[in-house]
Amino acid sequence: MSTRILPLAAMEKIMKQSGADRVSDKAKVALKNVVEEIAEEIAGKAIQLASHAGRKTVKARDIKLAAKS
């Protein structure tokens, strides 16, 4: 994924909050790619759920349900 949606600084913050003392640049990029990939999958499922319910608006409950499946 070449477009930068999530900032690398946020990835470092997540890892440091999880207990990392130091975080390499490659680790930040790897986490960003994985998180963005998972987010795209969840978003796609949530859009399908909203559409199935006859809505154009994706709601929080769609995201939560999509994340569970």
PDB file of N, CA and C in Angstrom:
ATOM      1  N   MET A   1       0.850  -1.164   0.000  1.00  0.00           N
ATOM      2  CA  MET A   1       0.000   0.000   0.000  1.00  0.00           C
ATOM      3  C   MET A   1       0.901   1.233   0.000  1.00  0.00           C
ATOM      4  N   SER A   2       0.773   2.074  -0.991  1.00  0.00           N
ATOM      5  CA  SER A   2       1.693   3.193  -1.128  1.00  0.00           C
ATOM      6  C   SER A   2       1.146   4.494  -0.547  1.00  0.00           C
ATOM      7  N   THR A   3      -0.157   4.635  -0.472  1.00  0.00           N
ATOM      8  CA  THR A   3      -0.705   5.870   0.079  1.00  0.00           C
ATOM      9  C   THR A   3      -0.607   5.857   1.596  1.00  0.00           C
ATOM     10  N   ARG A   4      -0.239   6.995   2.142  1.00  0.00           N
ATOM     11  CA  ARG A   4      -0.102   7.097   3.598  1.00  0.00           C
ATOM     12  C   ARG A   4      -1.393   7.630   4.189  1.00  0.00           C
ATOM     13  N   ILE A   5      -2.147   6.749   4.794  1.00  0.00           N
ATOM     14  CA  ILE A   5      -3.393   7.144   5.436  1.00  0.00           C
ATOM     15  C   ILE A   5      -3.130   7.379   6.923  1.00  0.00           C
ATOM     16  N   LEU A   6      -2.494   6.424   7.553  1.00  0.00           N
ATOM     17  CA  LEU A   6      -2.182   6.535   8.973  1.00  0.00           C
ATOM     18  C   LEU A   6      -0.746   7.025   9.147  1.00  0.00           C
ATOM     19  N   PRO A   7      -0.538   7.953  10.055  1.00  0.00           N
ATOM     20  CA  PRO A   7       0.827   8.457  10.258  1.00  0.00           C
ATOM     21  C   PRO A   7       1.705   7.450  10.998  1.00  0.00           C
ATOM     22  N   LEU A   8       2.980   7.434  10.649  1.00  0.00           N
ATOM     23  CA  LEU A   8       3.928   6.532  11.299  1.00  0.00           C
ATOM     24  C   LEU A   8       4.083   6.871  12.783  1.00  0.00           C
ATOM     25  N   ALA A   9       3.942   8.142  13.126  1.00  0.00           N
ATOM     26  CA  ALA A   9       4.054   8.546  14.533  1.00  0.00           C
ATOM     27  C   ALA A   9       2.983   7.860  15.387  1.00  0.00           C
ATOM     28  N   ALA A  10       1.807   7.665  14.806  1.00  0.00           N
ATOM     29  CA  ALA A  10       0.739   6.979  15.530  1.00  0.00           C
ATOM     30  C   ALA A  10       1.099   5.517  15.777  1.00  0.00           C
ATOM     31  N   MET A  11       1.774   4.898  14.804  1.00  0.00           N
ATOM     32  CA  MET A  11       2.183   3.501  14.966  1.00  0.00           C
ATOM     33  C   MET A  11       3.212   3.381  16.092  1.00  0.00           C
ATOM     34  N   GLU A  12       4.139   4.332  16.140  1.00  0.00           N
ATOM     35  CA  GLU A  12       5.139   4.329  17.207  1.00  0.00           C
ATOM     36  C   GLU A  12       4.465   4.520  18.561  1.00  0.00           C
ATOM     37  N   LYS A  13       3.506   5.411  18.620  1.00  0.00           N
ATOM     38  CA  LYS A  13       2.798   5.674  19.881  1.00  0.00           C
ATOM     39  C   LYS A  13       2.070   4.427  20.366  1.00  0.00           C
ATOM     40  N   ILE A  14       1.416   3.719  19.450  1.00  0.00           N
ATOM     41  CA  ILE A  14       0.712   2.483  19.811  1.00  0.00           C
ATOM     42  C   ILE A  14       1.688   1.462  20.383  1.00  0.00           C
ATOM     43  N   MET A  15       2.820   1.289  19.725  1.00  0.00           N
ATOM     44  CA  MET A  15       3.791   0.293  20.183  1.00  0.00           C
ATOM     45  C   MET A  15       4.417   0.691  21.519  1.00  0.00           C
ATOM     46  N   LYS A  16       4.675   1.969  21.708  1.00  0.00           N
ATOM     47  CA  LYS A  16       5.248   2.412  22.979  1.00  0.00           C
ATOM     48  C   LYS A  16       4.235   2.271  24.107  1.00  0.00           C
ATOM     49  N   GLN A  17       2.969   2.541  23.820  1.00  0.00           N
ATOM     50  CA  GLN A  17       1.926   2.348  24.832  1.00  0.00           C
ATOM     51  C   GLN A  17       1.761   0.874  25.173  1.00  0.00           C
ATOM     52  N   SER A  18       2.149   0.018  24.244  1.00  0.00           N
ATOM     53  CA  SER A  18       2.070  -1.426  24.478  1.00  0.00           C
ATOM     54  C   SER A  18       3.308  -1.964  25.183  1.00  0.00           C
ATOM     55  N   GLY A  19       4.292  -1.087  25.422  1.00  0.00           N
ATOM     56  CA  GLY A  19       5.445  -1.506  26.202  1.00  0.00           C
ATOM     57  C   GLY A  19       6.787  -1.472  25.502  1.00  0.00           C
ATOM     58  N   ALA A  20       6.840  -1.104  24.233  1.00  0.00           N
ATOM     59  CA  ALA A  20       8.117  -1.071  23.518  1.00  0.00           C
ATOM     60  C   ALA A  20       8.957   0.116  23.992  1.00  0.00           C
ATOM     61  N   ASP A  21      10.244  -0.130  24.224  1.00  0.00           N
ATOM     62  CA  ASP A  21      11.151   0.959  24.587  1.00  0.00           C
ATOM     63  C   ASP A  21      11.574   1.734  23.355  1.00  0.00           C
ATOM     64  N   ARG A  22      11.902   0.985  22.294  1.00  0.00           N
ATOM     65  CA  ARG A  22      12.332   1.595  21.042  1.00  0.00           C
ATOM     66  C   ARG A  22      11.608   0.902  19.897  1.00  0.00           C
ATOM     67  N   VAL A  23      11.382   1.652  18.804  1.00  0.00           N
ATOM     68  CA  VAL A  23      10.658   1.111  17.659  1.00  0.00           C
ATOM     69  C   VAL A  23      11.405   1.497  16.384  1.00  0.00           C
ATOM     70  N   SER A  24      11.717   0.521  15.563  1.00  0.00           N
ATOM     71  CA  SER A  24      12.424   0.813  14.304  1.00  0.00           C
ATOM     72  C   SER A  24      11.458   1.383  13.272  1.00  0.00           C
ATOM     73  N   ASP A  25      12.011   2.075  12.293  1.00  0.00           N
ATOM     74  CA  ASP A  25      11.195   2.629  11.213  1.00  0.00           C
ATOM     75  C   ASP A  25      10.497   1.515  10.433  1.00  0.00           C
ATOM     76  N   LYS A  26      11.201   0.403  10.224  1.00  0.00           N
ATOM     77  CA  LYS A  26      10.597  -0.719   9.493  1.00  0.00           C
ATOM     78  C   LYS A  26       9.431  -1.322  10.267  1.00  0.00           C
ATOM     79  N   ALA A  27       9.522  -1.339  11.586  1.00  0.00           N
ATOM     80  CA  ALA A  27       8.427  -1.860  12.406  1.00  0.00           C
ATOM     81  C   ALA A  27       7.208  -0.944  12.311  1.00  0.00           C
ATOM     82  N   LYS A  28       7.438   0.355  12.288  1.00  0.00           N
ATOM     83  CA  LYS A  28       6.330   1.308  12.150  1.00  0.00           C
ATOM     84  C   LYS A  28       5.614   1.109  10.822  1.00  0.00           C
ATOM     85  N   VAL A  29       6.385   0.961   9.761  1.00  0.00           N
ATOM     86  CA  VAL A  29       5.804   0.775   8.430  1.00  0.00           C
ATOM     87  C   VAL A  29       5.047  -0.555   8.363  1.00  0.00           C
ATOM     88  N   ALA A  30       5.621  -1.596   8.940  1.00  0.00           N
ATOM     89  CA  ALA A  30       4.968  -2.911   8.920  1.00  0.00           C
ATOM     90  C   ALA A  30       3.633  -2.868   9.663  1.00  0.00           C
ATOM     91  N   LEU A  31       3.617  -2.249  10.839  1.00  0.00           N
ATOM     92  CA  LEU A  31       2.374  -2.153  11.610  1.00  0.00           C
ATOM     93  C   LEU A  31       1.349  -1.318  10.850  1.00  0.00           C
ATOM     94  N   LYS A  32       1.792  -0.219  10.252  1.00  0.00           N
ATOM     95  CA  LYS A  32       0.885   0.640   9.483  1.00  0.00           C
ATOM     96  C   LYS A  32       0.223  -0.139   8.352  1.00  0.00           C
ATOM     97  N   ASN A  33       1.015  -0.910   7.632  1.00  0.00           N
ATOM     98  CA  ASN A  33       0.471  -1.682   6.517  1.00  0.00           C
ATOM     99  C   ASN A  33      -0.547  -2.711   6.981  1.00  0.00           C
ATOM    100  N   VAL A  34      -0.253  -3.393   8.074  1.00  0.00           N
ATOM    101  CA  VAL A  34      -1.168  -4.412   8.594  1.00  0.00           C
ATOM    102  C   VAL A  34      -2.461  -3.766   9.091  1.00  0.00           C
ATOM    103  N   VAL A  35      -2.334  -2.679   9.841  1.00  0.00           N
ATOM    104  CA  VAL A  35      -3.515  -2.001  10.384  1.00  0.00           C
ATOM    105  C   VAL A  35      -4.389  -1.464   9.251  1.00  0.00           C
ATOM    106  N   GLU A  36      -3.778  -0.862   8.238  1.00  0.00           N
ATOM    107  CA  GLU A  36      -4.554  -0.329   7.121  1.00  0.00           C
ATOM    108  C   GLU A  36      -5.252  -1.442   6.339  1.00  0.00           C
ATOM    109  N   GLU A  37      -4.586  -2.574   6.176  1.00  0.00           N
ATOM    110  CA  GLU A  37      -5.186  -3.708   5.464  1.00  0.00           C
ATOM    111  C   GLU A  37      -6.406  -4.230   6.221  1.00  0.00           C
ATOM    112  N   ILE A  38      -6.263  -4.399   7.515  1.00  0.00           N
ATOM    113  CA  ILE A  38      -7.379  -4.876   8.339  1.00  0.00           C
ATOM    114  C   ILE A  38      -8.517  -3.861   8.330  1.00  0.00           C
ATOM    115  N   ALA A  39      -8.177  -2.579   8.422  1.00  0.00           N
ATOM    116  CA  ALA A  39      -9.196  -1.527   8.422  1.00  0.00           C
ATOM    117  C   ALA A  39      -9.977  -1.510   7.109  1.00  0.00           C
ATOM    118  N   GLU A  40      -9.289  -1.726   5.999  1.00  0.00           N
ATOM    119  CA  GLU A  40      -9.971  -1.763   4.704  1.00  0.00           C
ATOM    120  C   GLU A  40     -10.932  -2.941   4.612  1.00  0.00           C
ATOM    121  N   GLU A  41     -10.536  -4.083   5.147  1.00  0.00           N
ATOM    122  CA  GLU A  41     -11.416  -5.255   5.143  1.00  0.00           C
ATOM    123  C   GLU A  41     -12.661  -5.001   5.984  1.00  0.00           C
ATOM    124  N   ILE A  42     -12.481  -4.434   7.160  1.00  0.00           N
ATOM    125  CA  ILE A  42     -13.606  -4.136   8.044  1.00  0.00           C
ATOM    126  C   ILE A  42     -14.515  -3.096   7.405  1.00  0.00           C
ATOM    127  N   ALA A  43     -13.931  -2.066   6.814  1.00  0.00           N
ATOM    128  CA  ALA A  43     -14.728  -1.019   6.164  1.00  0.00           C
ATOM    129  C   ALA A  43     -15.569  -1.597   5.032  1.00  0.00           C
ATOM    130  N   GLY A  44     -14.973  -2.473   4.235  1.00  0.00           N
ATOM    131  CA  GLY A  44     -15.713  -3.095   3.136  1.00  0.00           C
ATOM    132  C   GLY A  44     -16.898  -3.904   3.635  1.00  0.00           C
ATOM    133  N   LYS A  45     -16.682  -4.683   4.690  1.00  0.00           N
ATOM    134  CA  LYS A  45     -17.778  -5.470   5.263  1.00  0.00           C
ATOM    135  C   LYS A  45     -18.851  -4.561   5.845  1.00  0.00           C
ATOM    136  N   ALA A  46     -18.440  -3.473   6.488  1.00  0.00           N
ATOM    137  CA  ALA A  46     -19.395  -2.537   7.078  1.00  0.00           C
ATOM    138  C   ALA A  46     -20.236  -1.856   6.001  1.00  0.00           C
ATOM    139  N   ILE A  47     -19.617  -1.535   4.882  1.00  0.00           N
ATOM    140  CA  ILE A  47     -20.356  -0.930   3.764  1.00  0.00           C
ATOM    141  C   ILE A  47     -21.399  -1.911   3.236  1.00  0.00           C
ATOM    142  N   GLN A  48     -21.028  -3.170   3.133  1.00  0.00           N
ATOM    143  CA  GLN A  48     -21.982  -4.185   2.679  1.00  0.00           C
ATOM    144  C   GLN A  48     -23.142  -4.323   3.664  1.00  0.00           C
ATOM    145  N   LEU A  49     -22.853  -4.287   4.959  1.00  0.00           N
ATOM    146  CA  LEU A  49     -23.913  -4.391   5.962  1.00  0.00           C
ATOM    147  C   LEU A  49     -24.872  -3.210   5.877  1.00  0.00           C
ATOM    148  N   ALA A  50     -24.329  -2.010   5.726  1.00  0.00           N
ATOM    149  CA  ALA A  50     -25.173  -0.816   5.617  1.00  0.00           C
ATOM    150  C   ALA A  50     -26.035  -0.897   4.355  1.00  0.00           C
ATOM    151  N   SER A  51     -25.436  -1.323   3.262  1.00  0.00           N
ATOM    152  CA  SER A  51     -26.173  -1.446   2.002  1.00  0.00           C
ATOM    153  C   SER A  51     -27.281  -2.487   2.120  1.00  0.00           C
ATOM    154  N   HIS A  52     -26.974  -3.603   2.753  1.00  0.00           N
ATOM    155  CA  HIS A  52     -27.969  -4.657   2.946  1.00  0.00           C
ATOM    156  C   HIS A  52     -29.144  -4.160   3.787  1.00  0.00           C
ATOM    157  N   ALA A  53     -28.861  -3.262   4.712  1.00  0.00           N
ATOM    158  CA  ALA A  53     -29.908  -2.693   5.568  1.00  0.00           C
ATOM    159  C   ALA A  53     -30.644  -1.550   4.866  1.00  0.00           C
ATOM    160  N   GLY A  54     -30.277  -1.257   3.631  1.00  0.00           N
ATOM    161  CA  GLY A  54     -30.950  -0.214   2.872  1.00  0.00           C
ATOM    162  C   GLY A  54     -30.475   1.189   3.212  1.00  0.00           C
ATOM    163  N   ARG A  55     -29.268   1.297   3.757  1.00  0.00           N
ATOM    164  CA  ARG A  55     -28.723   2.602   4.135  1.00  0.00           C
ATOM    165  C   ARG A  55     -27.498   2.922   3.305  1.00  0.00           C
ATOM    166  N   LYS A  56     -27.286   4.225   3.083  1.00  0.00           N
ATOM    167  CA  LYS A  56     -26.057   4.695   2.457  1.00  0.00           C
ATOM    168  C   LYS A  56     -25.034   5.057   3.524  1.00  0.00           C
ATOM    169  N   THR A  57     -25.524   5.328   4.719  1.00  0.00           N
ATOM    170  CA  THR A  57     -24.661   5.745   5.823  1.00  0.00           C
ATOM    171  C   THR A  57     -24.147   4.536   6.591  1.00  0.00           C
ATOM    172  N   VAL A  58     -22.846   4.463   6.743  1.00  0.00           N
ATOM    173  CA  VAL A  58     -22.226   3.415   7.557  1.00  0.00           C
ATOM    174  C   VAL A  58     -22.242   3.894   9.003  1.00  0.00           C
ATOM    175  N   LYS A  59     -22.768   3.079   9.874  1.00  0.00           N
ATOM    176  CA  LYS A  59     -22.879   3.452  11.290  1.00  0.00           C
ATOM    177  C   LYS A  59     -21.887   2.652  12.125  1.00  0.00           C
ATOM    178  N   ALA A  60     -21.705   3.106  13.350  1.00  0.00           N
ATOM    179  CA  ALA A  60     -20.768   2.451  14.265  1.00  0.00           C
ATOM    180  C   ALA A  60     -21.129   0.981  14.453  1.00  0.00           C
ATOM    181  N   ARG A  61     -22.397   0.674  14.505  1.00  0.00           N
ATOM    182  CA  ARG A  61     -22.806  -0.728  14.702  1.00  0.00           C
ATOM    183  C   ARG A  61     -22.394  -1.595  13.512  1.00  0.00           C
ATOM    184  N   ASP A  62     -22.344  -1.009  12.309  1.00  0.00           N
ATOM    185  CA  ASP A  62     -21.875  -1.755  11.141  1.00  0.00           C
ATOM    186  C   ASP A  62     -20.398  -2.109  11.298  1.00  0.00           C
ATOM    187  N   ILE A  63     -19.619  -1.132  11.765  1.00  0.00           N
ATOM    188  CA  ILE A  63     -18.190  -1.363  11.974  1.00  0.00           C
ATOM    189  C   ILE A  63     -17.983  -2.440  13.031  1.00  0.00           C
ATOM    190  N   LYS A  64     -18.702  -2.336  14.132  1.00  0.00           N
ATOM    191  CA  LYS A  64     -18.560  -3.313  15.221  1.00  0.00           C
ATOM    192  C   LYS A  64     -18.940  -4.712  14.763  1.00  0.00           C
ATOM    193  N   LEU A  65     -20.020  -4.825  14.028  1.00  0.00           N
ATOM    194  CA  LEU A  65     -20.445  -6.137  13.526  1.00  0.00           C
ATOM    195  C   LEU A  65     -19.468  -6.685  12.501  1.00  0.00           C
ATOM    196  N   ALA A  66     -18.973  -5.817  11.629  1.00  0.00           N
ATOM    197  CA  ALA A  66     -18.009  -6.244  10.612  1.00  0.00           C
ATOM    198  C   ALA A  66     -16.707  -6.704  11.263  1.00  0.00           C
ATOM    199  N   ALA A  67     -16.305  -6.064  12.325  1.00  0.00           N
ATOM    200  CA  ALA A  67     -15.062  -6.427  13.008  1.00  0.00           C
ATOM    201  C   ALA A  67     -15.171  -7.783  13.692  1.00  0.00           C
ATOM    202  N   LYS A  68     -16.373  -8.161  14.097  1.00  0.00           N
ATOM    203  CA  LYS A  68     -16.561  -9.441  14.769  1.00  0.00           C
ATOM    204  C   LYS A  68     -16.503 -10.608  13.802  1.00  0.00           C
ATOM    205  N   SER A  69     -16.884 -10.374  12.561  1.00  0.00           N
ATOM    206  CA  SER A  69     -16.935 -11.483  11.599  1.00  0.00           C
ATOM    207  C   SER A  69     -15.654 -11.662  10.839  1.00  0.00           C
TER     208      SER A  69
END
